[in-house]
N, C-alpha and C. Protein backbone atom coordinates (compact mmCIF):
# COMPACT_ATOMS: atom_id res chain seq x y z
N MET A 1 11.75 -8.81 -8.59
CA MET A 1 10.46 -8.84 -9.27
C MET A 1 10.40 -10.06 -10.17
N LYS A 2 9.35 -10.87 -10.08
CA LYS A 2 9.24 -12.10 -10.85
C LYS A 2 9.06 -11.79 -12.33
N PRO A 3 9.32 -12.78 -13.24
CA PRO A 3 9.09 -12.56 -14.67
C PRO A 3 7.65 -12.13 -14.92
N LEU A 4 7.48 -11.12 -15.75
CA LEU A 4 6.17 -10.55 -15.98
C LEU A 4 5.73 -10.75 -17.43
N ARG A 5 4.45 -10.66 -17.64
CA ARG A 5 3.89 -10.83 -18.98
C ARG A 5 3.64 -9.46 -19.59
N VAL A 6 4.24 -9.20 -20.74
CA VAL A 6 4.07 -7.95 -21.46
C VAL A 6 3.31 -8.24 -22.75
N VAL A 7 2.21 -7.56 -22.97
CA VAL A 7 1.40 -7.80 -24.17
C VAL A 7 1.15 -6.48 -24.89
N HIS A 8 0.98 -6.58 -26.23
CA HIS A 8 0.63 -5.42 -27.04
C HIS A 8 -0.88 -5.23 -26.95
N HIS A 9 -1.30 -4.09 -26.40
CA HIS A 9 -2.73 -3.82 -26.23
C HIS A 9 -3.32 -3.18 -27.48
N THR A 10 -2.66 -2.15 -27.97
CA THR A 10 -3.03 -1.50 -29.23
C THR A 10 -1.74 -1.22 -30.00
N GLU A 11 -1.86 -0.52 -31.13
CA GLU A 11 -0.67 -0.18 -31.91
C GLU A 11 0.22 0.82 -31.18
N GLN A 12 -0.32 1.44 -30.15
CA GLN A 12 0.47 2.45 -29.43
C GLN A 12 0.46 2.25 -27.92
N SER A 13 0.20 1.03 -27.48
CA SER A 13 0.22 0.78 -26.03
C SER A 13 0.62 -0.65 -25.73
N LEU A 14 1.23 -0.81 -24.56
CA LEU A 14 1.64 -2.11 -24.03
C LEU A 14 1.11 -2.23 -22.61
N ILE A 15 0.88 -3.45 -22.15
CA ILE A 15 0.43 -3.67 -20.78
C ILE A 15 1.31 -4.71 -20.11
N VAL A 16 1.73 -4.39 -18.90
CA VAL A 16 2.47 -5.33 -18.06
C VAL A 16 1.47 -5.97 -17.12
N LEU A 17 1.38 -7.30 -17.14
CA LEU A 17 0.39 -8.03 -16.36
C LEU A 17 1.03 -8.81 -15.22
N ASP A 18 0.18 -9.41 -14.38
CA ASP A 18 0.61 -10.31 -13.30
C ASP A 18 1.43 -9.61 -12.22
N LEU A 19 1.13 -8.36 -11.95
CA LEU A 19 1.82 -7.61 -10.91
C LEU A 19 1.05 -7.67 -9.60
N ALA A 20 1.77 -7.64 -8.50
CA ALA A 20 1.15 -7.38 -7.21
C ALA A 20 0.91 -5.88 -7.10
N LEU A 21 0.09 -5.47 -6.15
CA LEU A 21 -0.25 -4.06 -6.02
C LEU A 21 0.99 -3.19 -5.81
N ALA A 22 1.85 -3.62 -4.91
CA ALA A 22 3.06 -2.84 -4.62
C ALA A 22 3.97 -2.78 -5.84
N GLU A 23 4.07 -3.88 -6.59
CA GLU A 23 4.90 -3.90 -7.78
C GLU A 23 4.35 -2.97 -8.85
N ALA A 24 3.03 -2.95 -9.01
CA ALA A 24 2.42 -2.07 -10.01
C ALA A 24 2.70 -0.60 -9.67
N GLN A 25 2.58 -0.27 -8.41
CA GLN A 25 2.83 1.11 -7.99
C GLN A 25 4.28 1.49 -8.21
N GLN A 26 5.19 0.62 -7.83
CA GLN A 26 6.61 0.92 -7.97
C GLN A 26 7.01 1.03 -9.44
N LEU A 27 6.52 0.09 -10.27
CA LEU A 27 6.88 0.10 -11.68
C LEU A 27 6.32 1.34 -12.37
N ALA A 28 5.08 1.72 -12.05
CA ALA A 28 4.49 2.91 -12.66
C ALA A 28 5.31 4.15 -12.34
N GLN A 29 5.75 4.28 -11.11
CA GLN A 29 6.57 5.43 -10.74
C GLN A 29 7.90 5.43 -11.50
N HIS A 30 8.47 4.26 -11.67
CA HIS A 30 9.74 4.15 -12.39
C HIS A 30 9.55 4.54 -13.86
N LEU A 31 8.48 4.08 -14.48
CA LEU A 31 8.25 4.34 -15.90
C LEU A 31 7.87 5.79 -16.18
N GLN A 32 7.26 6.46 -15.22
CA GLN A 32 6.86 7.84 -15.41
C GLN A 32 8.05 8.77 -15.59
N ALA A 33 9.22 8.31 -15.16
CA ALA A 33 10.42 9.13 -15.30
C ALA A 33 11.05 9.00 -16.69
N SER A 34 10.53 8.11 -17.52
CA SER A 34 11.08 7.87 -18.84
C SER A 34 10.41 8.76 -19.88
N GLU A 35 11.20 9.25 -20.85
CA GLU A 35 10.68 10.09 -21.91
C GLU A 35 10.07 9.27 -23.04
N VAL A 36 10.19 7.95 -22.98
CA VAL A 36 9.67 7.09 -24.04
C VAL A 36 8.15 7.10 -24.06
N TRP A 37 7.54 7.19 -22.87
CA TRP A 37 6.10 6.96 -22.75
C TRP A 37 5.33 8.27 -22.71
N ILE A 38 4.27 8.33 -23.52
CA ILE A 38 3.38 9.48 -23.50
C ILE A 38 2.57 9.50 -22.22
N ASP A 39 2.18 8.31 -21.77
CA ASP A 39 1.39 8.21 -20.54
C ASP A 39 1.63 6.85 -19.91
N VAL A 40 1.51 6.81 -18.59
CA VAL A 40 1.64 5.57 -17.82
C VAL A 40 0.41 5.48 -16.92
N VAL A 41 -0.31 4.36 -17.02
CA VAL A 41 -1.53 4.18 -16.25
C VAL A 41 -1.42 2.92 -15.40
N GLN A 42 -1.53 3.08 -14.08
CA GLN A 42 -1.43 1.96 -13.16
C GLN A 42 -2.81 1.39 -12.87
N GLY A 43 -2.92 0.07 -12.91
CA GLY A 43 -4.11 -0.63 -12.46
C GLY A 43 -3.80 -1.37 -11.17
N LEU A 44 -4.74 -2.14 -10.68
CA LEU A 44 -4.52 -2.89 -9.45
C LEU A 44 -3.42 -3.93 -9.61
N ASN A 45 -3.39 -4.61 -10.76
CA ASN A 45 -2.41 -5.67 -11.00
C ASN A 45 -1.73 -5.53 -12.34
N SER A 46 -1.69 -4.31 -12.86
CA SER A 46 -1.11 -4.10 -14.19
C SER A 46 -0.63 -2.67 -14.34
N VAL A 47 0.19 -2.44 -15.37
CA VAL A 47 0.62 -1.10 -15.73
C VAL A 47 0.57 -1.00 -17.25
N ALA A 48 -0.10 0.01 -17.77
CA ALA A 48 -0.18 0.25 -19.21
C ALA A 48 0.69 1.45 -19.57
N VAL A 49 1.40 1.35 -20.69
CA VAL A 49 2.22 2.45 -21.18
C VAL A 49 1.77 2.79 -22.60
N PHE A 50 1.78 4.08 -22.92
CA PHE A 50 1.37 4.55 -24.23
C PHE A 50 2.55 5.27 -24.88
N PHE A 51 2.76 5.04 -26.18
CA PHE A 51 3.89 5.62 -26.89
C PHE A 51 3.44 6.12 -28.25
N ASP A 52 4.30 6.94 -28.87
CA ASP A 52 4.03 7.49 -30.20
C ASP A 52 4.64 6.55 -31.23
N PRO A 53 3.84 5.82 -32.02
CA PRO A 53 4.39 4.87 -32.98
C PRO A 53 5.17 5.54 -34.11
N CYS A 54 5.02 6.85 -34.25
CA CYS A 54 5.81 7.57 -35.25
C CYS A 54 7.24 7.80 -34.78
N ARG A 55 7.43 7.71 -33.49
CA ARG A 55 8.77 7.90 -32.92
C ARG A 55 9.40 6.58 -32.48
N VAL A 56 8.58 5.65 -32.01
CA VAL A 56 9.08 4.37 -31.48
C VAL A 56 8.25 3.24 -32.08
N LEU A 57 8.92 2.29 -32.74
CA LEU A 57 8.22 1.14 -33.29
C LEU A 57 7.74 0.23 -32.16
N PRO A 58 6.63 -0.49 -32.35
CA PRO A 58 6.09 -1.34 -31.28
C PRO A 58 7.09 -2.33 -30.69
N ASN A 59 7.88 -2.99 -31.55
CA ASN A 59 8.86 -3.96 -31.04
C ASN A 59 9.95 -3.26 -30.23
N GLU A 60 10.36 -2.09 -30.69
CA GLU A 60 11.36 -1.33 -29.95
C GLU A 60 10.80 -0.87 -28.60
N ALA A 61 9.52 -0.47 -28.60
CA ALA A 61 8.87 -0.05 -27.35
C ALA A 61 8.85 -1.20 -26.35
N GLU A 62 8.57 -2.41 -26.84
CA GLU A 62 8.55 -3.56 -25.94
C GLU A 62 9.93 -3.83 -25.37
N GLU A 63 10.97 -3.74 -26.20
CA GLU A 63 12.34 -3.96 -25.71
C GLU A 63 12.70 -2.94 -24.64
N ARG A 64 12.35 -1.69 -24.87
CA ARG A 64 12.65 -0.65 -23.87
C ARG A 64 11.88 -0.89 -22.58
N LEU A 65 10.63 -1.31 -22.73
CA LEU A 65 9.82 -1.57 -21.54
C LEU A 65 10.41 -2.71 -20.72
N ARG A 66 10.81 -3.78 -21.37
CA ARG A 66 11.40 -4.91 -20.64
C ARG A 66 12.70 -4.51 -19.96
N THR A 67 13.48 -3.67 -20.62
CA THR A 67 14.72 -3.18 -20.01
C THR A 67 14.42 -2.37 -18.76
N GLN A 68 13.40 -1.51 -18.84
CA GLN A 68 13.05 -0.67 -17.70
C GLN A 68 12.45 -1.49 -16.55
N ILE A 69 11.77 -2.58 -16.89
CA ILE A 69 11.26 -3.48 -15.85
C ILE A 69 12.43 -4.08 -15.07
N GLU A 70 13.47 -4.50 -15.79
CA GLU A 70 14.67 -5.06 -15.13
C GLU A 70 15.36 -4.00 -14.28
N GLN A 71 15.44 -2.78 -14.80
CA GLN A 71 16.07 -1.69 -14.04
C GLN A 71 15.29 -1.41 -12.75
N CYS A 72 13.97 -1.48 -12.84
CA CYS A 72 13.14 -1.24 -11.67
C CYS A 72 13.38 -2.31 -10.61
N ALA A 73 13.50 -3.57 -11.05
CA ALA A 73 13.76 -4.66 -10.11
C ALA A 73 15.12 -4.50 -9.45
N GLU A 74 16.12 -4.08 -10.21
CA GLU A 74 17.46 -3.87 -9.65
C GLU A 74 17.45 -2.72 -8.65
N LYS A 75 16.72 -1.66 -8.98
CA LYS A 75 16.63 -0.52 -8.07
C LYS A 75 15.99 -0.90 -6.76
N LYS A 76 14.94 -1.72 -6.84
CA LYS A 76 14.27 -2.17 -5.63
C LYS A 76 15.20 -3.00 -4.76
N ALA A 77 16.01 -3.86 -5.40
CA ALA A 77 16.94 -4.70 -4.65
C ALA A 77 18.01 -3.87 -3.95
N ARG A 78 18.43 -2.78 -4.60
CA ARG A 78 19.48 -1.93 -4.03
C ARG A 78 18.94 -1.01 -2.95
N GLN A 79 17.71 -0.55 -3.13
CA GLN A 79 17.18 0.46 -2.23
C GLN A 79 15.81 0.05 -1.66
N PRO A 80 15.81 -0.85 -0.70
CA PRO A 80 14.53 -1.21 -0.07
C PRO A 80 13.94 0.00 0.65
N GLY A 81 12.62 0.04 0.71
CA GLY A 81 11.97 1.17 1.36
C GLY A 81 12.37 1.31 2.82
N LYS A 82 12.41 2.54 3.30
CA LYS A 82 12.78 2.78 4.69
C LYS A 82 11.70 2.22 5.61
N ILE A 83 12.12 1.83 6.80
CA ILE A 83 11.19 1.29 7.79
C ILE A 83 10.77 2.43 8.72
N ILE A 84 9.47 2.62 8.84
CA ILE A 84 8.91 3.65 9.72
C ILE A 84 8.33 2.97 10.94
N ASP A 85 8.84 3.30 12.11
CA ASP A 85 8.32 2.75 13.36
C ASP A 85 7.16 3.60 13.86
N LEU A 86 6.04 2.93 14.13
CA LEU A 86 4.86 3.63 14.62
C LEU A 86 4.48 3.09 16.00
N PRO A 87 4.64 3.90 17.05
CA PRO A 87 4.20 3.48 18.39
C PRO A 87 2.67 3.52 18.47
N VAL A 88 2.09 2.44 18.98
CA VAL A 88 0.63 2.30 19.00
C VAL A 88 0.14 1.95 20.39
N THR A 89 -0.91 2.62 20.83
CA THR A 89 -1.65 2.21 22.02
C THR A 89 -2.81 1.34 21.55
N TYR A 90 -2.84 0.09 22.01
CA TYR A 90 -3.85 -0.87 21.58
C TYR A 90 -4.98 -0.98 22.61
N GLY A 91 -6.20 -1.22 22.09
CA GLY A 91 -7.33 -1.52 22.95
C GLY A 91 -7.92 -0.32 23.66
N GLY A 92 -8.89 -0.59 24.50
CA GLY A 92 -9.55 0.48 25.26
C GLY A 92 -10.34 1.41 24.36
N GLU A 93 -10.42 2.66 24.74
CA GLU A 93 -11.19 3.64 23.97
C GLU A 93 -10.58 3.89 22.60
N VAL A 94 -9.26 3.77 22.48
CA VAL A 94 -8.61 4.05 21.20
C VAL A 94 -8.58 2.82 20.29
N GLY A 95 -8.89 1.64 20.83
CA GLY A 95 -8.93 0.42 20.04
C GLY A 95 -10.19 -0.35 20.29
N PRO A 96 -11.36 0.21 19.93
CA PRO A 96 -12.64 -0.36 20.33
C PRO A 96 -12.96 -1.73 19.74
N ASP A 97 -12.24 -2.14 18.68
CA ASP A 97 -12.57 -3.43 18.06
C ASP A 97 -11.57 -4.53 18.39
N LEU A 98 -10.62 -4.25 19.27
CA LEU A 98 -9.62 -5.26 19.61
C LEU A 98 -10.27 -6.50 20.21
N ALA A 99 -11.21 -6.30 21.11
CA ALA A 99 -11.87 -7.44 21.76
C ALA A 99 -12.68 -8.25 20.74
N LEU A 100 -13.32 -7.57 19.79
CA LEU A 100 -14.10 -8.26 18.76
C LEU A 100 -13.19 -9.09 17.87
N VAL A 101 -12.06 -8.53 17.48
CA VAL A 101 -11.11 -9.25 16.64
C VAL A 101 -10.59 -10.49 17.37
N ALA A 102 -10.29 -10.33 18.66
CA ALA A 102 -9.79 -11.46 19.45
C ALA A 102 -10.86 -12.55 19.55
N GLU A 103 -12.10 -12.15 19.75
CA GLU A 103 -13.18 -13.13 19.86
C GLU A 103 -13.37 -13.88 18.54
N ARG A 104 -13.39 -13.17 17.44
CA ARG A 104 -13.57 -13.79 16.14
C ARG A 104 -12.43 -14.75 15.80
N ALA A 105 -11.19 -14.32 16.12
CA ALA A 105 -10.02 -15.11 15.76
C ALA A 105 -9.76 -16.25 16.74
N GLY A 106 -10.33 -16.17 17.93
CA GLY A 106 -10.12 -17.23 18.92
C GLY A 106 -8.81 -17.10 19.67
N PHE A 107 -8.34 -15.86 19.85
CA PHE A 107 -7.09 -15.61 20.58
C PHE A 107 -7.34 -14.56 21.66
N THR A 108 -6.38 -14.40 22.55
CA THR A 108 -6.46 -13.33 23.54
C THR A 108 -6.11 -12.00 22.89
N GLU A 109 -6.51 -10.93 23.53
CA GLU A 109 -6.18 -9.60 23.01
C GLU A 109 -4.67 -9.41 22.94
N SER A 110 -3.97 -9.92 23.93
CA SER A 110 -2.51 -9.81 23.94
C SER A 110 -1.90 -10.52 22.74
N SER A 111 -2.46 -11.68 22.38
CA SER A 111 -1.95 -12.43 21.23
C SER A 111 -2.22 -11.68 19.93
N ILE A 112 -3.36 -11.02 19.83
CA ILE A 112 -3.67 -10.23 18.64
C ILE A 112 -2.66 -9.11 18.47
N ILE A 113 -2.32 -8.45 19.57
CA ILE A 113 -1.32 -7.37 19.51
C ILE A 113 0.02 -7.93 19.06
N ASP A 114 0.41 -9.09 19.61
CA ASP A 114 1.68 -9.70 19.21
C ASP A 114 1.70 -10.03 17.72
N MET A 115 0.59 -10.57 17.21
CA MET A 115 0.51 -10.90 15.78
C MET A 115 0.62 -9.65 14.92
N HIS A 116 0.00 -8.57 15.38
CA HIS A 116 -0.02 -7.35 14.58
C HIS A 116 1.32 -6.64 14.57
N THR A 117 2.08 -6.77 15.64
CA THR A 117 3.36 -6.07 15.74
C THR A 117 4.55 -6.92 15.31
N ASP A 118 4.34 -8.22 15.13
CA ASP A 118 5.45 -9.13 14.86
C ASP A 118 5.74 -9.28 13.37
N ARG A 119 5.77 -8.17 12.64
CA ARG A 119 6.11 -8.22 11.22
C ARG A 119 6.29 -6.81 10.67
N ILE A 120 6.87 -6.74 9.48
CA ILE A 120 7.07 -5.48 8.79
C ILE A 120 6.11 -5.44 7.60
N TYR A 121 5.38 -4.35 7.47
CA TYR A 121 4.38 -4.21 6.42
C TYR A 121 4.91 -3.34 5.28
N ASN A 122 4.40 -3.60 4.08
CA ASN A 122 4.76 -2.81 2.91
C ASN A 122 3.56 -1.98 2.46
N VAL A 123 3.82 -0.77 2.00
CA VAL A 123 2.76 0.05 1.44
C VAL A 123 2.40 -0.53 0.07
N ALA A 124 1.22 -1.14 -0.03
CA ALA A 124 0.79 -1.76 -1.28
C ALA A 124 0.23 -0.72 -2.23
N MET A 125 -0.54 0.21 -1.71
CA MET A 125 -1.08 1.29 -2.53
C MET A 125 -1.63 2.38 -1.62
N LEU A 126 -1.85 3.53 -2.21
CA LEU A 126 -2.41 4.66 -1.49
C LEU A 126 -3.80 4.94 -2.06
N GLY A 127 -4.77 5.24 -1.18
CA GLY A 127 -6.10 5.48 -1.68
C GLY A 127 -7.08 5.74 -0.56
N PHE A 128 -8.37 5.76 -0.92
CA PHE A 128 -9.46 5.98 0.01
C PHE A 128 -9.51 7.43 0.46
N MET A 129 -8.38 7.96 0.95
CA MET A 129 -8.24 9.36 1.31
C MET A 129 -6.77 9.72 1.17
N PRO A 130 -6.43 11.00 1.06
CA PRO A 130 -5.01 11.38 0.97
C PRO A 130 -4.21 10.82 2.14
N GLY A 131 -3.09 10.16 1.82
CA GLY A 131 -2.20 9.66 2.85
C GLY A 131 -2.59 8.35 3.49
N PHE A 132 -3.71 7.74 3.05
CA PHE A 132 -4.11 6.45 3.63
C PHE A 132 -3.38 5.35 2.87
N ALA A 133 -2.55 4.59 3.57
CA ALA A 133 -1.76 3.53 2.96
C ALA A 133 -2.35 2.16 3.27
N TYR A 134 -2.58 1.38 2.23
CA TYR A 134 -2.97 -0.02 2.40
C TYR A 134 -1.68 -0.81 2.63
N LEU A 135 -1.54 -1.40 3.81
CA LEU A 135 -0.32 -2.11 4.18
C LEU A 135 -0.56 -3.61 4.06
N ASP A 136 0.21 -4.26 3.19
CA ASP A 136 0.05 -5.71 3.07
C ASP A 136 1.05 -6.44 3.95
N GLY A 137 0.81 -7.73 4.15
CA GLY A 137 1.64 -8.52 5.04
C GLY A 137 0.94 -8.89 6.33
N LEU A 138 -0.36 -8.61 6.43
CA LEU A 138 -1.11 -8.91 7.65
C LEU A 138 -1.13 -10.41 7.90
N ASP A 139 -0.94 -10.81 9.15
CA ASP A 139 -1.04 -12.21 9.54
C ASP A 139 -2.39 -12.76 9.11
N GLU A 140 -2.39 -13.91 8.43
CA GLU A 140 -3.64 -14.48 7.92
C GLU A 140 -4.64 -14.77 9.03
N ARG A 141 -4.16 -14.98 10.24
CA ARG A 141 -5.06 -15.24 11.36
C ARG A 141 -5.86 -14.00 11.76
N LEU A 142 -5.44 -12.84 11.26
CA LEU A 142 -6.14 -11.59 11.57
C LEU A 142 -7.04 -11.13 10.42
N ARG A 143 -7.11 -11.91 9.37
CA ARG A 143 -7.95 -11.54 8.22
C ARG A 143 -9.43 -11.60 8.62
N GLN A 144 -10.08 -10.45 8.62
CA GLN A 144 -11.49 -10.36 9.01
C GLN A 144 -12.20 -9.31 8.16
N PRO A 145 -13.52 -9.49 7.95
CA PRO A 145 -14.26 -8.51 7.16
C PRO A 145 -14.45 -7.21 7.93
N ARG A 146 -14.72 -6.16 7.19
CA ARG A 146 -14.96 -4.86 7.83
C ARG A 146 -16.30 -4.85 8.57
N LEU A 147 -16.55 -3.81 9.30
CA LEU A 147 -17.80 -3.69 10.05
C LEU A 147 -19.00 -3.62 9.10
N THR A 148 -20.11 -4.20 9.50
CA THR A 148 -21.31 -4.15 8.66
C THR A 148 -21.88 -2.74 8.61
N SER A 149 -21.70 -1.97 9.68
CA SER A 149 -22.14 -0.58 9.72
C SER A 149 -20.94 0.32 9.99
N PRO A 150 -20.44 1.03 8.98
CA PRO A 150 -19.26 1.89 9.17
C PRO A 150 -19.50 2.97 10.21
N ARG A 151 -18.44 3.34 10.91
CA ARG A 151 -18.52 4.45 11.85
C ARG A 151 -18.53 5.77 11.07
N MET A 152 -19.23 6.74 11.60
CA MET A 152 -19.26 8.06 10.98
C MET A 152 -17.99 8.85 11.29
N ARG A 153 -17.31 8.46 12.38
CA ARG A 153 -16.11 9.21 12.77
C ARG A 153 -15.05 8.25 13.30
N VAL A 154 -13.96 8.14 12.57
CA VAL A 154 -12.80 7.39 13.01
C VAL A 154 -11.68 8.40 13.23
N PRO A 155 -11.15 8.51 14.45
CA PRO A 155 -10.14 9.54 14.74
C PRO A 155 -8.86 9.35 13.93
N ALA A 156 -8.18 10.45 13.66
CA ALA A 156 -6.88 10.40 13.00
C ALA A 156 -5.91 9.56 13.83
N GLY A 157 -5.10 8.78 13.16
CA GLY A 157 -4.13 7.93 13.85
C GLY A 157 -4.63 6.55 14.18
N SER A 158 -5.91 6.27 13.90
CA SER A 158 -6.47 4.95 14.23
C SER A 158 -5.83 3.86 13.37
N VAL A 159 -5.40 2.80 14.03
CA VAL A 159 -4.81 1.63 13.35
C VAL A 159 -5.89 0.59 13.19
N ALA A 160 -6.12 0.15 11.96
CA ALA A 160 -7.25 -0.73 11.71
C ALA A 160 -6.89 -1.84 10.74
N ILE A 161 -7.74 -2.87 10.68
CA ILE A 161 -7.55 -3.97 9.75
C ILE A 161 -8.85 -4.22 9.00
N SER A 162 -8.70 -4.77 7.80
CA SER A 162 -9.85 -5.17 6.99
C SER A 162 -9.37 -6.16 5.94
N ASP A 163 -10.02 -7.31 5.88
CA ASP A 163 -9.62 -8.36 4.94
C ASP A 163 -8.13 -8.65 5.13
N GLY A 164 -7.32 -8.50 4.10
CA GLY A 164 -5.90 -8.85 4.23
C GLY A 164 -4.99 -7.68 4.46
N TYR A 165 -5.54 -6.51 4.82
CA TYR A 165 -4.72 -5.31 4.97
C TYR A 165 -4.83 -4.72 6.38
N THR A 166 -3.81 -3.94 6.72
CA THR A 166 -3.90 -3.06 7.87
C THR A 166 -3.61 -1.66 7.37
N GLY A 167 -4.05 -0.66 8.11
CA GLY A 167 -3.84 0.71 7.69
C GLY A 167 -3.97 1.66 8.85
N VAL A 168 -3.58 2.91 8.62
CA VAL A 168 -3.67 3.95 9.64
C VAL A 168 -4.40 5.15 9.04
N TYR A 169 -5.46 5.58 9.70
CA TYR A 169 -6.20 6.74 9.22
C TYR A 169 -5.37 8.00 9.49
N PRO A 170 -4.89 8.69 8.45
CA PRO A 170 -4.08 9.89 8.69
C PRO A 170 -4.91 11.08 9.13
N LEU A 171 -6.21 11.07 8.77
CA LEU A 171 -7.12 12.15 9.11
C LEU A 171 -8.41 11.56 9.67
N GLN A 172 -9.14 12.36 10.43
CA GLN A 172 -10.44 11.89 10.89
C GLN A 172 -11.35 11.66 9.69
N SER A 173 -12.07 10.52 9.73
CA SER A 173 -12.87 10.16 8.57
C SER A 173 -13.89 9.11 8.94
N PRO A 174 -14.98 8.98 8.18
CA PRO A 174 -15.82 7.80 8.32
C PRO A 174 -15.02 6.57 7.91
N GLY A 175 -15.38 5.41 8.43
CA GLY A 175 -14.65 4.20 8.05
C GLY A 175 -15.25 2.95 8.65
N GLY A 176 -15.06 1.84 7.95
CA GLY A 176 -15.63 0.58 8.41
C GLY A 176 -14.60 -0.47 8.78
N TRP A 177 -13.31 -0.09 8.85
CA TRP A 177 -12.30 -1.06 9.24
C TRP A 177 -12.35 -1.29 10.75
N LEU A 178 -11.85 -2.42 11.18
CA LEU A 178 -11.82 -2.77 12.61
C LEU A 178 -10.63 -2.08 13.27
N VAL A 179 -10.92 -1.22 14.24
CA VAL A 179 -9.90 -0.39 14.86
C VAL A 179 -9.28 -1.11 16.05
N LEU A 180 -7.95 -1.29 15.99
CA LEU A 180 -7.22 -1.99 17.05
C LEU A 180 -6.56 -1.04 18.04
N GLY A 181 -6.21 0.16 17.60
CA GLY A 181 -5.50 1.08 18.47
C GLY A 181 -5.28 2.41 17.79
N ARG A 182 -4.35 3.19 18.33
CA ARG A 182 -4.07 4.51 17.76
C ARG A 182 -2.59 4.82 17.82
N VAL A 183 -2.07 5.36 16.73
CA VAL A 183 -0.66 5.74 16.63
C VAL A 183 -0.39 6.97 17.47
N GLN A 184 0.73 6.95 18.17
CA GLN A 184 1.09 8.06 19.06
C GLN A 184 2.11 8.99 18.41
N ARG A 185 1.89 9.31 17.13
CA ARG A 185 2.70 10.32 16.45
C ARG A 185 1.89 10.84 15.27
N PRO A 186 2.08 12.08 14.86
CA PRO A 186 1.30 12.63 13.74
C PRO A 186 1.67 11.97 12.43
N LEU A 187 0.70 11.80 11.56
CA LEU A 187 0.92 11.18 10.26
C LEU A 187 0.91 12.18 9.11
N VAL A 188 0.65 13.45 9.45
CA VAL A 188 0.63 14.48 8.41
C VAL A 188 1.16 15.79 8.98
N ARG A 189 1.97 16.47 8.18
CA ARG A 189 2.40 17.82 8.49
C ARG A 189 1.59 18.77 7.63
N ARG A 190 0.97 19.76 8.27
CA ARG A 190 0.04 20.63 7.54
C ARG A 190 0.69 21.91 7.06
N ARG A 191 1.93 22.22 7.48
CA ARG A 191 2.55 23.47 7.07
C ARG A 191 3.96 23.20 6.55
N PRO A 192 4.33 23.93 5.45
CA PRO A 192 3.52 24.88 4.68
C PRO A 192 2.49 24.19 3.78
N ASN A 193 2.77 22.94 3.37
CA ASN A 193 1.84 22.14 2.59
C ASN A 193 1.69 20.79 3.26
N PRO A 194 0.52 20.15 3.11
CA PRO A 194 0.33 18.83 3.74
C PRO A 194 1.35 17.81 3.24
N GLU A 195 2.03 17.14 4.15
CA GLU A 195 2.97 16.07 3.81
C GLU A 195 2.61 14.86 4.66
N PHE A 196 2.38 13.73 4.01
CA PHE A 196 1.97 12.53 4.73
C PHE A 196 3.17 11.63 5.01
N LEU A 197 3.15 11.02 6.18
CA LEU A 197 4.28 10.20 6.63
C LEU A 197 4.43 8.94 5.79
N LEU A 198 3.31 8.27 5.49
CA LEU A 198 3.36 7.01 4.76
C LEU A 198 3.23 7.27 3.26
N THR A 199 4.26 6.88 2.53
CA THR A 199 4.30 7.09 1.09
C THR A 199 4.63 5.78 0.39
N ALA A 200 4.61 5.80 -0.92
CA ALA A 200 4.90 4.60 -1.70
C ALA A 200 6.29 4.07 -1.36
N GLN A 201 6.41 2.75 -1.31
CA GLN A 201 7.65 2.02 -1.08
C GLN A 201 8.10 2.05 0.38
N ALA A 202 7.39 2.75 1.24
CA ALA A 202 7.75 2.73 2.66
C ALA A 202 7.39 1.39 3.27
N ARG A 203 8.08 1.05 4.33
CA ARG A 203 7.75 -0.14 5.12
C ARG A 203 7.44 0.31 6.53
N VAL A 204 6.53 -0.40 7.17
CA VAL A 204 6.00 0.04 8.46
C VAL A 204 6.12 -1.07 9.49
N ARG A 205 6.53 -0.68 10.68
CA ARG A 205 6.57 -1.61 11.82
C ARG A 205 5.83 -0.96 12.98
N PHE A 206 4.83 -1.67 13.51
CA PHE A 206 4.07 -1.16 14.65
C PHE A 206 4.72 -1.64 15.95
N ARG A 207 4.71 -0.76 16.94
CA ARG A 207 5.30 -1.08 18.24
C ARG A 207 4.30 -0.75 19.34
N ALA A 208 3.96 -1.73 20.16
CA ALA A 208 2.98 -1.51 21.22
C ALA A 208 3.58 -0.68 22.35
N VAL A 209 2.83 0.32 22.80
CA VAL A 209 3.30 1.17 23.93
C VAL A 209 2.21 1.24 24.98
């Protein structure tokens, strides 16, 4: 993790700035395990921590925060996220936007598939719906805007791209991302409680089948 900027926001809060999305998510999870902080709030590119000034002086809180930032970076270096292989059928009925993406990018459909599968993606953040992971690391040649008119129904397992991200719809949902294909394995276990396959710190590799 690169050197970060820590600033005093109020008499009882600090903010860590200049984070990437994945770094903010990872750091927030690490800090939530500490008893020093009353609350930890993650933003898109920042993490705010709140403390009791009657128990911890502001300067001491900053020292502890910087120490925990270093610990988080060391933990990440020791334990990289597991790689999840996702077999995908590209194009056709399950990938209705593959041809459009190829036309916009100026490549063949086969080349688009190669670009999409030739890298490992990181879960940058979770949102939009339960279990939907924004995966960063998309080839810049595949960066394209979402559909002007979102679909009312995108099937579960659909692999899609939008702007600089790729993602997989874990559940059927409306959506405006460009759908390239569909994953050939379930992304959620419904019993006894819903458990989603893609979680924070996971890494994803798509494999064409």
